[in-house]
Every structure is written in structure tokens, then in C-alpha cells.
Amino acid sequence: MRCALLQLPSIGMGSNKLDNYARVAHQKGVNLVVMGEYLLNPFFKELVHTPVSMIAEQSAHQIETLKSLAEKYNLVFIAPIVTVKKKECTKMIVKVGPRSVTYYPQQFLINYPHWNEEKFFNNPIEALKPPMIFAVGGFKFAVMGGFEVHFDSMWDAVDAKSVDAVLIPSASTFESHNRWRELLKTRAFTHNCYILRANRVGEYFDEKHAWKFYGDSMVISPDGEIEADLGNTEELLIVDLDRKSLIESRKGWGFKEAMRKRNAHRMNT
């Protein structure tokens, strides 16, 4: 199973970058492409000052572009996107394939004073649901937003559904580089799954902060080891997910088997 991580800054409607990278991915035999946060729309701090009508127009254009590229190159795209309905913005992650489009509304949004997505977006706060889960090329994938990685409950479905790889679009910045690495390696190891994290690059400046998005998109093995990563510039990372390595890791550590036995015991009592 061959995947690609596309590490870019925000892409304007007139750009041909997506077509160029999709063509390369297709030529390399890629099945699935993961994109970072705020690539198809401006970064959040810019987005809040953008007219809603312009956001809607841009998002509609980007979705049509992905639909066209998915059909043209037989690819599946995973990408965060802002949708607009009744002048309200919702932060989504979209899966665009050659024949279907599926949306996942992010359930946990960052809500800090300097970066409050929860206040701006119309995403409902309600009982937690499983993340988006789907299969491509014999692998079962789950998708969650970068901020959602912090919450243990999001990972319950990863275990319950025997997910093989978790796809994580993100927009990490400031001094969080090492913290994110350690968090993602731990999640991959304790849940015995691949993690594919696509982070954005680029800069945004306001009166208080210099927001530098450092990239570091990466693929982490089920053993919690970084198998491949990118630097801090615009790049495309192509990786192969190995079914045999996944099975060997799960068998060797035995985490899932330990849970399976206890779950079976609970059902019989």
C-alpha cells in the first residue's frame, strides 16, 4: 500500500500545484494522498477575516479540483476543508475518491485565547463519535484532526475497529516540534498502528506572534519508530505501508491480543 504526504502552505484557487503533485503521485503508484491543515483554505488567523462568501467559493473550487484529480489519477485524497452552510463555517476533513466524497466534522477544536477555532467554527459539541474509518488497498484507515490526537477517547475506535493506519493532517507551529514527535510515536506504539502525519509549512505574522509552520511530516511504524520524515519546506513524501511488518509488530508486543482476551471474558460474564 503506497501513500503520499503532501507538505505545502495554503494553495490559491489559481494554483496548479495539486495537479503537478497528483501526477507525480500517480506515476509513483500512490493510492492515497494526505494533506496538511489549512492548505485548501487560508490559515485560521487569516480565515477569520475572510468574507464567508469567499470561503465558500474557495472551498467549492478546491473540492471540485480534488474530485477531478481523484478521477483523473485514480487517487484518494484526505484533506481538511472549511465548508459553509447558512453563512456558518464548519471545519471538516474530506475524503475524495474517484467515485465518492465523504466529510468528517472535526469533533475537538483548539480553543486557546490566541487560537480559538471552537469559538469561530460551527462544529457541534456533542457526544463523541468514532473518527472517519475506511479501507483502501487492503488497509483500514482512520482519520482525525491534529488536535484530536490528544484525546484518549478518539483512539478507542482505532483499537475496537483494528485500524491499520491513522491519518493526521495538522498545522503545528511554535516550539512544539519535539512534543509532537514524542506524542505521535507513543500513539503509534501503544496502538500498534502506522501513523501518517501531514503538517503544513509557511508563515503568518500578527502583532504578537510569528507563526512558523515547520513541516516535519512523517510516517511512524507500529513499533513507534519514525520511518521517514520531511524537512521544513514544500515537499512530497512517498511511503509504503507493509502488512507483514504490521502483523509482526502486533504479534510481538501482544497488546491487542491481551485486550481481545479480556473483552471476550467481559462478554461472557
C-alpha atoms as a PDB file:
ATOM      1  CA  MET A   1       0.000   0.000   0.000  1.00  0.00           C
ATOM      2  CA  ARG A   2       1.674   3.201  -1.183  1.00  0.00           C
ATOM      3  CA  CYS A   3       0.769   6.573   0.349  1.00  0.00           C
ATOM      4  CA  ALA A   4       1.968  10.149  -0.054  1.00  0.00           C
ATOM      5  CA  LEU A   5       2.139  13.076   2.374  1.00  0.00           C
ATOM      6  CA  LEU A   6       1.814  16.467   0.707  1.00  0.00           C
ATOM      7  CA  GLN A   7       3.518  19.217   2.723  1.00  0.00           C
ATOM      8  CA  LEU A   8       2.559  22.675   1.462  1.00  0.00           C
ATOM      9  CA  PRO A   9       1.479  26.153   2.554  1.00  0.00           C
ATOM     10  CA  SER A  10      -2.011  27.369   1.604  1.00  0.00           C
ATOM     11  CA  ILE A  11      -2.902  26.844  -2.059  1.00  0.00           C
ATOM     12  CA  GLY A  12      -4.711  29.550  -4.019  1.00  0.00           C
ATOM     13  CA  MET A  13      -7.525  28.772  -6.446  1.00  0.00           C
ATOM     14  CA  GLY A  14      -5.349  29.560  -9.450  1.00  0.00           C
ATOM     15  CA  SER A  15      -2.507  27.242  -8.463  1.00  0.00           C
ATOM     16  CA  ASN A  16      -1.610  24.135 -10.469  1.00  0.00           C
ATOM     17  CA  LYS A  17       0.400  22.579  -7.629  1.00  0.00           C
ATOM     18  CA  LEU A  18      -2.210  19.982  -6.800  1.00  0.00           C
ATOM     19  CA  ASP A  19      -2.284  18.734 -10.369  1.00  0.00           C
ATOM     20  CA  ASN A  20       1.518  18.572 -10.516  1.00  0.00           C
ATOM     21  CA  TYR A  21       1.839  16.622  -7.275  1.00  0.00           C
ATOM     22  CA  ALA A  22      -1.106  14.346  -8.080  1.00  0.00           C
ATOM     23  CA  ARG A  23       0.508  13.460 -11.398  1.00  0.00           C
ATOM     24  CA  VAL A  24       3.794  12.592  -9.678  1.00  0.00           C
ATOM     25  CA  ALA A  25       1.975  10.521  -7.058  1.00  0.00           C
ATOM     26  CA  HIS A  26       0.125   8.619  -9.773  1.00  0.00           C
ATOM     27  CA  GLN A  27       3.343   7.961 -11.676  1.00  0.00           C
ATOM     28  CA  LYS A  28       4.888   6.569  -8.481  1.00  0.00           C
ATOM     29  CA  GLY A  29       1.998   4.174  -7.890  1.00  0.00           C
ATOM     30  CA  VAL A  30       0.462   6.025  -4.946  1.00  0.00           C
ATOM     31  CA  ASN A  31      -3.046   5.058  -3.814  1.00  0.00           C
ATOM     32  CA  LEU A  32      -3.743   7.699  -1.170  1.00  0.00           C
ATOM     33  CA  VAL A  33      -2.577  11.311  -0.604  1.00  0.00           C
ATOM     34  CA  VAL A  34      -2.770  13.055   2.794  1.00  0.00           C
ATOM     35  CA  MET A  35      -2.625  16.855   3.007  1.00  0.00           C
ATOM     36  CA  GLY A  36      -1.955  19.129   5.989  1.00  0.00           C
ATOM     37  CA  GLU A  37      -4.363  21.576   7.628  1.00  0.00           C
ATOM     38  CA  TYR A  38      -5.128  24.923   6.032  1.00  0.00           C
ATOM     39  CA  LEU A  39      -3.811  24.016   2.603  1.00  0.00           C
ATOM     40  CA  LEU A  40      -7.100  24.321   0.718  1.00  0.00           C
ATOM     41  CA  ASN A  41      -8.100  27.396   2.753  1.00  0.00           C
ATOM     42  CA  PRO A  42      -6.064  30.227   4.301  1.00  0.00           C
ATOM     43  CA  PHE A  43      -4.625  29.687   7.766  1.00  0.00           C
ATOM     44  CA  PHE A  44      -7.144  30.188  10.586  1.00  0.00           C
ATOM     45  CA  LYS A  45      -5.914  33.644  11.622  1.00  0.00           C
ATOM     46  CA  GLU A  46      -6.430  34.837   8.050  1.00  0.00           C
ATOM     47  CA  LEU A  47      -9.637  32.885   7.608  1.00  0.00           C
ATOM     48  CA  VAL A  48     -11.460  34.723  10.404  1.00  0.00           C
ATOM     49  CA  HIS A  49     -11.039  37.979   8.444  1.00  0.00           C
ATOM     50  CA  THR A  50     -12.155  36.469   5.116  1.00  0.00           C
ATOM     51  CA  PRO A  51     -15.733  37.046   3.896  1.00  0.00           C
ATOM     52  CA  VAL A  52     -17.830  33.913   4.283  1.00  0.00           C
ATOM     53  CA  SER A  53     -18.869  34.096   0.619  1.00  0.00           C
ATOM     54  CA  MET A  54     -15.202  33.966  -0.395  1.00  0.00           C
ATOM     55  CA  ILE A  55     -14.540  30.982   1.879  1.00  0.00           C
ATOM     56  CA  ALA A  56     -17.498  29.155   0.337  1.00  0.00           C
ATOM     57  CA  GLU A  57     -16.316  29.902  -3.193  1.00  0.00           C
ATOM     58  CA  GLN A  58     -12.770  28.792  -2.485  1.00  0.00           C
ATOM     59  CA  SER A  59     -13.802  25.569  -0.745  1.00  0.00           C
ATOM     60  CA  ALA A  60     -16.209  24.622  -3.525  1.00  0.00           C
ATOM     61  CA  HIS A  61     -13.466  25.195  -6.095  1.00  0.00           C
ATOM     62  CA  GLN A  62     -10.945  23.096  -4.144  1.00  0.00           C
ATOM     63  CA  ILE A  63     -13.388  20.214  -3.744  1.00  0.00           C
ATOM     64  CA  GLU A  64     -14.129  20.191  -7.471  1.00  0.00           C
ATOM     65  CA  THR A  65     -10.389  20.224  -8.148  1.00  0.00           C
ATOM     66  CA  LEU A  66      -9.823  17.222  -5.884  1.00  0.00           C
ATOM     67  CA  LYS A  67     -12.754  15.339  -7.439  1.00  0.00           C
ATOM     68  CA  SER A  68     -11.308  15.909 -10.889  1.00  0.00           C
ATOM     69  CA  LEU A  69      -7.803  14.830  -9.851  1.00  0.00           C
ATOM     70  CA  ALA A  70      -9.080  11.773  -7.968  1.00  0.00           C
ATOM     71  CA  GLU A  71     -10.860  10.568 -11.089  1.00  0.00           C
ATOM     72  CA  LYS A  72      -8.043  11.537 -13.448  1.00  0.00           C
ATOM     73  CA  TYR A  73      -5.288   9.831 -11.446  1.00  0.00           C
ATOM     74  CA  ASN A  74      -7.285   7.182  -9.539  1.00  0.00           C
ATOM     75  CA  LEU A  75      -6.307   8.620  -6.156  1.00  0.00           C
ATOM     76  CA  VAL A  76      -7.927   9.057  -2.764  1.00  0.00           C
ATOM     77  CA  PHE A  77      -7.298  12.434  -1.121  1.00  0.00           C
ATOM     78  CA  ILE A  78      -7.569  13.226   2.593  1.00  0.00           C
ATOM     79  CA  ALA A  79      -7.635  16.953   3.259  1.00  0.00           C
ATOM     80  CA  PRO A  80      -9.030  19.421   5.810  1.00  0.00           C
ATOM     81  CA  ILE A  81     -11.563  21.824   4.311  1.00  0.00           C
ATOM     82  CA  VAL A  82     -13.892  24.544   5.613  1.00  0.00           C
ATOM     83  CA  THR A  83     -17.476  24.105   4.489  1.00  0.00           C
ATOM     84  CA  VAL A  84     -20.132  26.834   4.574  1.00  0.00           C
ATOM     85  CA  LYS A  85     -23.846  26.341   5.186  1.00  0.00           C
ATOM     86  CA  LYS A  86     -26.273  29.172   6.018  1.00  0.00           C
ATOM     87  CA  LYS A  87     -23.292  31.506   6.415  1.00  0.00           C
ATOM     88  CA  GLU A  88     -21.787  29.273   9.143  1.00  0.00           C
ATOM     89  CA  CYS A  89     -18.322  27.739   8.738  1.00  0.00           C
ATOM     90  CA  THR A  90     -17.605  24.145   9.747  1.00  0.00           C
ATOM     91  CA  LYS A  91     -14.140  22.613   9.953  1.00  0.00           C
ATOM     92  CA  MET A  92     -14.165  19.295   8.115  1.00  0.00           C
ATOM     93  CA  ILE A  93     -11.807  16.639   6.858  1.00  0.00           C
ATOM     94  CA  VAL A  94     -12.848  15.390   3.435  1.00  0.00           C
ATOM     95  CA  LYS A  95     -12.117  12.082   1.729  1.00  0.00           C
ATOM     96  CA  VAL A  96     -12.296  12.486  -2.027  1.00  0.00           C
ATOM     97  CA  GLY A  97     -12.059   9.388  -4.180  1.00  0.00           C
ATOM     98  CA  PRO A  98     -12.710   8.658  -7.851  1.00  0.00           C
ATOM     99  CA  ARG A  99     -16.381   7.874  -7.147  1.00  0.00           C
ATOM    100  CA  SER A 100     -17.310   9.385  -3.777  1.00  0.00           C
ATOM    101  CA  VAL A 101     -16.848  12.303  -1.381  1.00  0.00           C
ATOM    102  CA  THR A 102     -17.170  11.869   2.400  1.00  0.00           C
ATOM    103  CA  TYR A 103     -16.939  14.547   5.097  1.00  0.00           C
ATOM    104  CA  TYR A 104     -15.864  14.178   8.722  1.00  0.00           C
ATOM    105  CA  PRO A 105     -16.640  17.138  11.027  1.00  0.00           C
ATOM    106  CA  GLN A 106     -13.764  17.557  13.451  1.00  0.00           C
ATOM    107  CA  GLN A 107     -15.024  16.889  16.993  1.00  0.00           C
ATOM    108  CA  PHE A 108     -12.334  18.566  19.082  1.00  0.00           C
ATOM    109  CA  LEU A 109     -11.232  22.058  18.057  1.00  0.00           C
ATOM    110  CA  ILE A 110      -8.397  24.028  19.589  1.00  0.00           C
ATOM    111  CA  ASN A 111      -9.793  26.689  21.937  1.00  0.00           C
ATOM    112  CA  TYR A 112      -6.930  28.741  23.349  1.00  0.00           C
ATOM    113  CA  PRO A 113      -7.047  32.560  23.579  1.00  0.00           C
ATOM    114  CA  HIS A 114      -4.539  33.068  20.755  1.00  0.00           C
ATOM    115  CA  TRP A 115      -6.088  30.360  18.543  1.00  0.00           C
ATOM    116  CA  ASN A 116      -9.771  29.674  19.206  1.00  0.00           C
ATOM    117  CA  GLU A 117     -11.251  27.523  16.457  1.00  0.00           C
ATOM    118  CA  GLU A 118     -14.008  26.251  18.737  1.00  0.00           C
ATOM    119  CA  LYS A 119     -15.446  29.766  19.018  1.00  0.00           C
ATOM    120  CA  PHE A 120     -15.277  30.544  15.292  1.00  0.00           C
ATOM    121  CA  PHE A 121     -16.430  27.322  13.670  1.00  0.00           C
ATOM    122  CA  ASN A 122     -19.933  25.881  13.847  1.00  0.00           C
ATOM    123  CA  ASN A 123     -18.820  22.338  14.687  1.00  0.00           C
ATOM    124  CA  PRO A 124     -21.303  20.840  17.181  1.00  0.00           C
ATOM    125  CA  ILE A 125     -20.209  19.916  20.689  1.00  0.00           C
ATOM    126  CA  GLU A 126     -21.968  16.627  21.339  1.00  0.00           C
ATOM    127  CA  ALA A 127     -21.428  13.019  22.364  1.00  0.00           C
ATOM    128  CA  LEU A 128     -18.219  11.702  20.845  1.00  0.00           C
ATOM    129  CA  LYS A 129     -18.421   9.630  17.667  1.00  0.00           C
ATOM    130  CA  PRO A 130     -15.766   7.432  16.053  1.00  0.00           C
ATOM    131  CA  PRO A 131     -13.408   9.116  13.601  1.00  0.00           C
ATOM    132  CA  MET A 132     -13.800   8.527   9.880  1.00  0.00           C
ATOM    133  CA  ILE A 133     -12.782   4.932   9.103  1.00  0.00           C
ATOM    134  CA  PHE A 134     -12.417   3.466   5.602  1.00  0.00           C
ATOM    135  CA  ALA A 135     -10.408   0.909   3.631  1.00  0.00           C
ATOM    136  CA  VAL A 136      -8.077   1.370   0.653  1.00  0.00           C
ATOM    137  CA  GLY A 137      -5.707  -1.183  -0.838  1.00  0.00           C
ATOM    138  CA  GLY A 138      -6.398  -3.768   1.851  1.00  0.00           C
ATOM    139  CA  PHE A 139      -5.548  -1.363   4.704  1.00  0.00           C
ATOM    140  CA  LYS A 140      -8.033   0.066   7.187  1.00  0.00           C
ATOM    141  CA  PHE A 141      -7.511   3.779   7.844  1.00  0.00           C
ATOM    142  CA  ALA A 142      -8.832   6.211  10.447  1.00  0.00           C
ATOM    143  CA  VAL A 143      -8.690   9.998  10.125  1.00  0.00           C
ATOM    144  CA  MET A 144      -8.512  12.542  12.915  1.00  0.00           C
ATOM    145  CA  GLY A 145      -7.519  16.192  13.138  1.00  0.00           C
ATOM    146  CA  GLY A 146      -4.232  17.134  14.737  1.00  0.00           C
ATOM    147  CA  PHE A 147      -5.802  18.491  17.935  1.00  0.00           C
ATOM    148  CA  GLU A 148      -7.922  15.345  18.294  1.00  0.00           C
ATOM    149  CA  VAL A 149      -4.792  13.208  18.754  1.00  0.00           C
ATOM    150  CA  HIS A 150      -4.531  14.418  22.368  1.00  0.00           C
ATOM    151  CA  PHE A 151      -7.766  12.746  23.484  1.00  0.00           C
ATOM    152  CA  ASP A 152      -7.652   9.086  24.524  1.00  0.00           C
ATOM    153  CA  SER A 153     -11.317   8.524  23.637  1.00  0.00           C
ATOM    154  CA  MET A 154     -10.546   9.188  19.970  1.00  0.00           C
ATOM    155  CA  TRP A 155      -8.266   6.163  19.994  1.00  0.00           C
ATOM    156  CA  ASP A 156     -10.857   3.743  21.372  1.00  0.00           C
ATOM    157  CA  ALA A 157     -12.268   3.202  17.866  1.00  0.00           C
ATOM    158  CA  VAL A 158      -8.751   2.697  16.486  1.00  0.00           C
ATOM    159  CA  ASP A 159      -8.452  -0.339  18.763  1.00  0.00           C
ATOM    160  CA  ALA A 160     -12.067  -1.504  18.503  1.00  0.00           C
ATOM    161  CA  LYS A 161     -12.042  -1.421  14.691  1.00  0.00           C
ATOM    162  CA  SER A 162      -8.492  -2.829  14.327  1.00  0.00           C
ATOM    163  CA  VAL A 163      -7.356   0.209  12.344  1.00  0.00           C
ATOM    164  CA  ASP A 164      -4.062  -0.301  10.495  1.00  0.00           C
ATOM    165  CA  ALA A 165      -3.048   3.328   9.955  1.00  0.00           C
ATOM    166  CA  VAL A 166      -4.174   6.689  11.357  1.00  0.00           C
ATOM    167  CA  LEU A 167      -4.009   9.729   9.072  1.00  0.00           C
ATOM    168  CA  ILE A 168      -3.384  13.032  10.844  1.00  0.00           C
ATOM    169  CA  PRO A 169      -3.484  16.347   8.982  1.00  0.00           C
ATOM    170  CA  SER A 170      -2.039  19.108  11.184  1.00  0.00           C
ATOM    171  CA  ALA A 171      -0.889  22.724  11.347  1.00  0.00           C
ATOM    172  CA  SER A 172       1.683  22.560  14.142  1.00  0.00           C
ATOM    173  CA  THR A 173       3.744  25.642  14.919  1.00  0.00           C
ATOM    174  CA  PHE A 174       5.779  27.447  17.614  1.00  0.00           C
ATOM    175  CA  GLU A 175       8.072  25.244  19.739  1.00  0.00           C
ATOM    176  CA  SER A 176       6.005  22.052  19.518  1.00  0.00           C
ATOM    177  CA  HIS A 177       8.297  20.042  17.233  1.00  0.00           C
ATOM    178  CA  ASN A 178       9.685  17.569  19.790  1.00  0.00           C
ATOM    179  CA  ARG A 179       6.432  17.285  21.741  1.00  0.00           C
ATOM    180  CA  TRP A 180       4.533  16.240  18.617  1.00  0.00           C
ATOM    181  CA  ARG A 181       7.171  13.696  17.710  1.00  0.00           C
ATOM    182  CA  GLU A 182       7.009  12.036  21.105  1.00  0.00           C
ATOM    183  CA  LEU A 183       3.205  12.085  21.226  1.00  0.00           C
ATOM    184  CA  LEU A 184       2.797  10.510  17.792  1.00  0.00           C
ATOM    185  CA  LYS A 185       5.469   7.875  18.369  1.00  0.00           C
ATOM    186  CA  THR A 186       3.765   6.871  21.609  1.00  0.00           C
ATOM    187  CA  ARG A 187       0.333   6.674  19.986  1.00  0.00           C
ATOM    188  CA  ALA A 188       1.664   4.540  17.132  1.00  0.00           C
ATOM    189  CA  PHE A 189       3.436   2.176  19.530  1.00  0.00           C
ATOM    190  CA  THR A 190       0.689   1.731  22.138  1.00  0.00           C
ATOM    191  CA  HIS A 191      -1.975   1.213  19.468  1.00  0.00           C
ATOM    192  CA  ASN A 192       0.290  -0.829  17.162  1.00  0.00           C
ATOM    193  CA  CYS A 193      -0.632   1.072  14.008  1.00  0.00           C
ATOM    194  CA  TYR A 194       1.027   3.237  11.412  1.00  0.00           C
ATOM    195  CA  ILE A 195       0.663   6.991  11.810  1.00  0.00           C
ATOM    196  CA  LEU A 196       0.906   9.279   8.786  1.00  0.00           C
ATOM    197  CA  ARG A 197       1.111  12.915   9.865  1.00  0.00           C
ATOM    198  CA  ALA A 198       0.959  15.656   7.214  1.00  0.00           C
ATOM    199  CA  ASN A 199       1.896  19.077   8.615  1.00  0.00           C
ATOM    200  CA  ARG A 200       1.747  22.387   6.750  1.00  0.00           C
ATOM    201  CA  VAL A 201       4.626  24.788   6.084  1.00  0.00           C
ATOM    202  CA  GLY A 202       4.656  28.569   5.669  1.00  0.00           C
ATOM    203  CA  GLU A 203       4.471  31.631   7.912  1.00  0.00           C
ATOM    204  CA  TYR A 204       1.893  34.007   9.337  1.00  0.00           C
ATOM    205  CA  PHE A 205       2.689  37.151  11.292  1.00  0.00           C
ATOM    206  CA  ASP A 206       0.451  39.145  13.651  1.00  0.00           C
ATOM    207  CA  GLU A 207       1.188  41.824  16.218  1.00  0.00           C
ATOM    208  CA  LYS A 208       2.051  39.269  18.933  1.00  0.00           C
ATOM    209  CA  HIS A 209       3.374  36.138  17.266  1.00  0.00           C
ATOM    210  CA  ALA A 210       5.368  34.824  14.342  1.00  0.00           C
ATOM    211  CA  TRP A 211       3.567  31.649  13.321  1.00  0.00           C
ATOM    212  CA  LYS A 212       6.122  29.447  11.596  1.00  0.00           C
ATOM    213  CA  PHE A 213       4.788  26.103  10.430  1.00  0.00           C
ATOM    214  CA  TYR A 214       7.741  23.771  10.476  1.00  0.00           C
ATOM    215  CA  GLY A 215       6.618  20.808   8.388  1.00  0.00           C
ATOM    216  CA  ASP A 216       8.158  17.620   9.791  1.00  0.00           C
ATOM    217  CA  SER A 217       5.521  15.465   8.123  1.00  0.00           C
ATOM    218  CA  MET A 218       6.296  11.865   8.935  1.00  0.00           C
ATOM    219  CA  VAL A 219       5.410   8.201   8.853  1.00  0.00           C
ATOM    220  CA  ILE A 220       5.703   6.260  12.102  1.00  0.00           C
ATOM    221  CA  SER A 221       5.763   2.476  12.277  1.00  0.00           C
ATOM    222  CA  PRO A 222       3.587   0.297  14.559  1.00  0.00           C
ATOM    223  CA  ASP A 223       6.711  -0.086  16.715  1.00  0.00           C
ATOM    224  CA  GLY A 224       6.763   3.675  17.349  1.00  0.00           C
ATOM    225  CA  GLU A 225       9.753   4.400  15.129  1.00  0.00           C
ATOM    226  CA  ILE A 226       9.913   7.227  12.590  1.00  0.00           C
ATOM    227  CA  GLU A 227      10.385   5.505   9.242  1.00  0.00           C
ATOM    228  CA  ALA A 228      10.514   8.630   7.056  1.00  0.00           C
ATOM    229  CA  ASP A 229      10.093  12.371   7.546  1.00  0.00           C
ATOM    230  CA  LEU A 230      10.313  15.698   5.731  1.00  0.00           C
ATOM    231  CA  GLY A 231      12.072  18.966   6.495  1.00  0.00           C
ATOM    232  CA  ASN A 232      10.558  22.444   6.694  1.00  0.00           C
ATOM    233  CA  THR A 233       9.964  23.170   3.006  1.00  0.00           C
ATOM    234  CA  GLU A 234       7.407  22.256   0.350  1.00  0.00           C
ATOM    235  CA  GLU A 235       7.829  18.530  -0.305  1.00  0.00           C
ATOM    236  CA  LEU A 236       6.096  15.268  -1.181  1.00  0.00           C
ATOM    237  CA  LEU A 237       6.866  12.129   0.846  1.00  0.00           C
ATOM    238  CA  ILE A 238       6.014   8.743  -0.676  1.00  0.00           C
ATOM    239  CA  VAL A 239       5.995   5.690   1.595  1.00  0.00           C
ATOM    240  CA  ASP A 240       4.973   2.035   1.519  1.00  0.00           C
ATOM    241  CA  LEU A 241       2.903   0.532   4.325  1.00  0.00           C
ATOM    242  CA  ASP A 242       3.866  -3.087   4.934  1.00  0.00           C
ATOM    243  CA  ARG A 243       1.229  -5.583   6.035  1.00  0.00           C
ATOM    244  CA  LYS A 244       3.814  -8.121   7.201  1.00  0.00           C
ATOM    245  CA  SER A 245       5.553  -5.612   9.482  1.00  0.00           C
ATOM    246  CA  LEU A 246       2.206  -4.577  10.937  1.00  0.00           C
ATOM    247  CA  ILE A 247       1.256  -8.173  11.756  1.00  0.00           C
ATOM    248  CA  GLU A 248       4.686  -8.933  13.243  1.00  0.00           C
ATOM    249  CA  SER A 249       4.550  -5.874  15.460  1.00  0.00           C
ATOM    250  CA  ARG A 250       1.117  -6.753  16.822  1.00  0.00           C
ATOM    251  CA  LYS A 251       2.088 -10.361  17.386  1.00  0.00           C
ATOM    252  CA  GLY A 252       5.395  -9.440  19.008  1.00  0.00           C
ATOM    253  CA  TRP A 253       4.068  -6.895  21.507  1.00  0.00           C
ATOM    254  CA  GLY A 254       0.755  -8.642  22.122  1.00  0.00           C
ATOM    255  CA  PHE A 255      -1.160  -5.537  23.178  1.00  0.00           C
ATOM    256  CA  LYS A 256      -4.200  -6.262  21.026  1.00  0.00           C
ATOM    257  CA  GLU A 257      -4.295  -9.936  21.959  1.00  0.00           C
ATOM    258  CA  ALA A 258      -4.251  -9.023  25.664  1.00  0.00           C
ATOM    259  CA  MET A 259      -7.251  -6.734  25.137  1.00  0.00           C
ATOM    260  CA  ARG A 260      -9.043  -9.293  22.976  1.00  0.00           C
ATOM    261  CA  LYS A 261      -8.909 -11.923  25.716  1.00  0.00           C
ATOM    262  CA  ARG A 262     -10.248  -9.551  28.332  1.00  0.00           C
ATOM    263  CA  ASN A 263     -13.003  -8.261  26.085  1.00  0.00           C
ATOM    264  CA  ALA A 264     -14.057 -11.830  25.346  1.00  0.00           C
ATOM    265  CA  HIS A 265     -14.158 -12.569  29.074  1.00  0.00           C
ATOM    266  CA  ARG A 266     -16.282  -9.479  29.722  1.00  0.00           C
ATOM    267  CA  MET A 267     -18.795 -10.510  27.039  1.00  0.00           C
ATOM    268  CA  ASN A 268     -19.125 -13.989  28.623  1.00  0.00           C
ATOM    269  CA  THR A 269     -19.880 -12.721  32.135  1.00  0.00           C
END
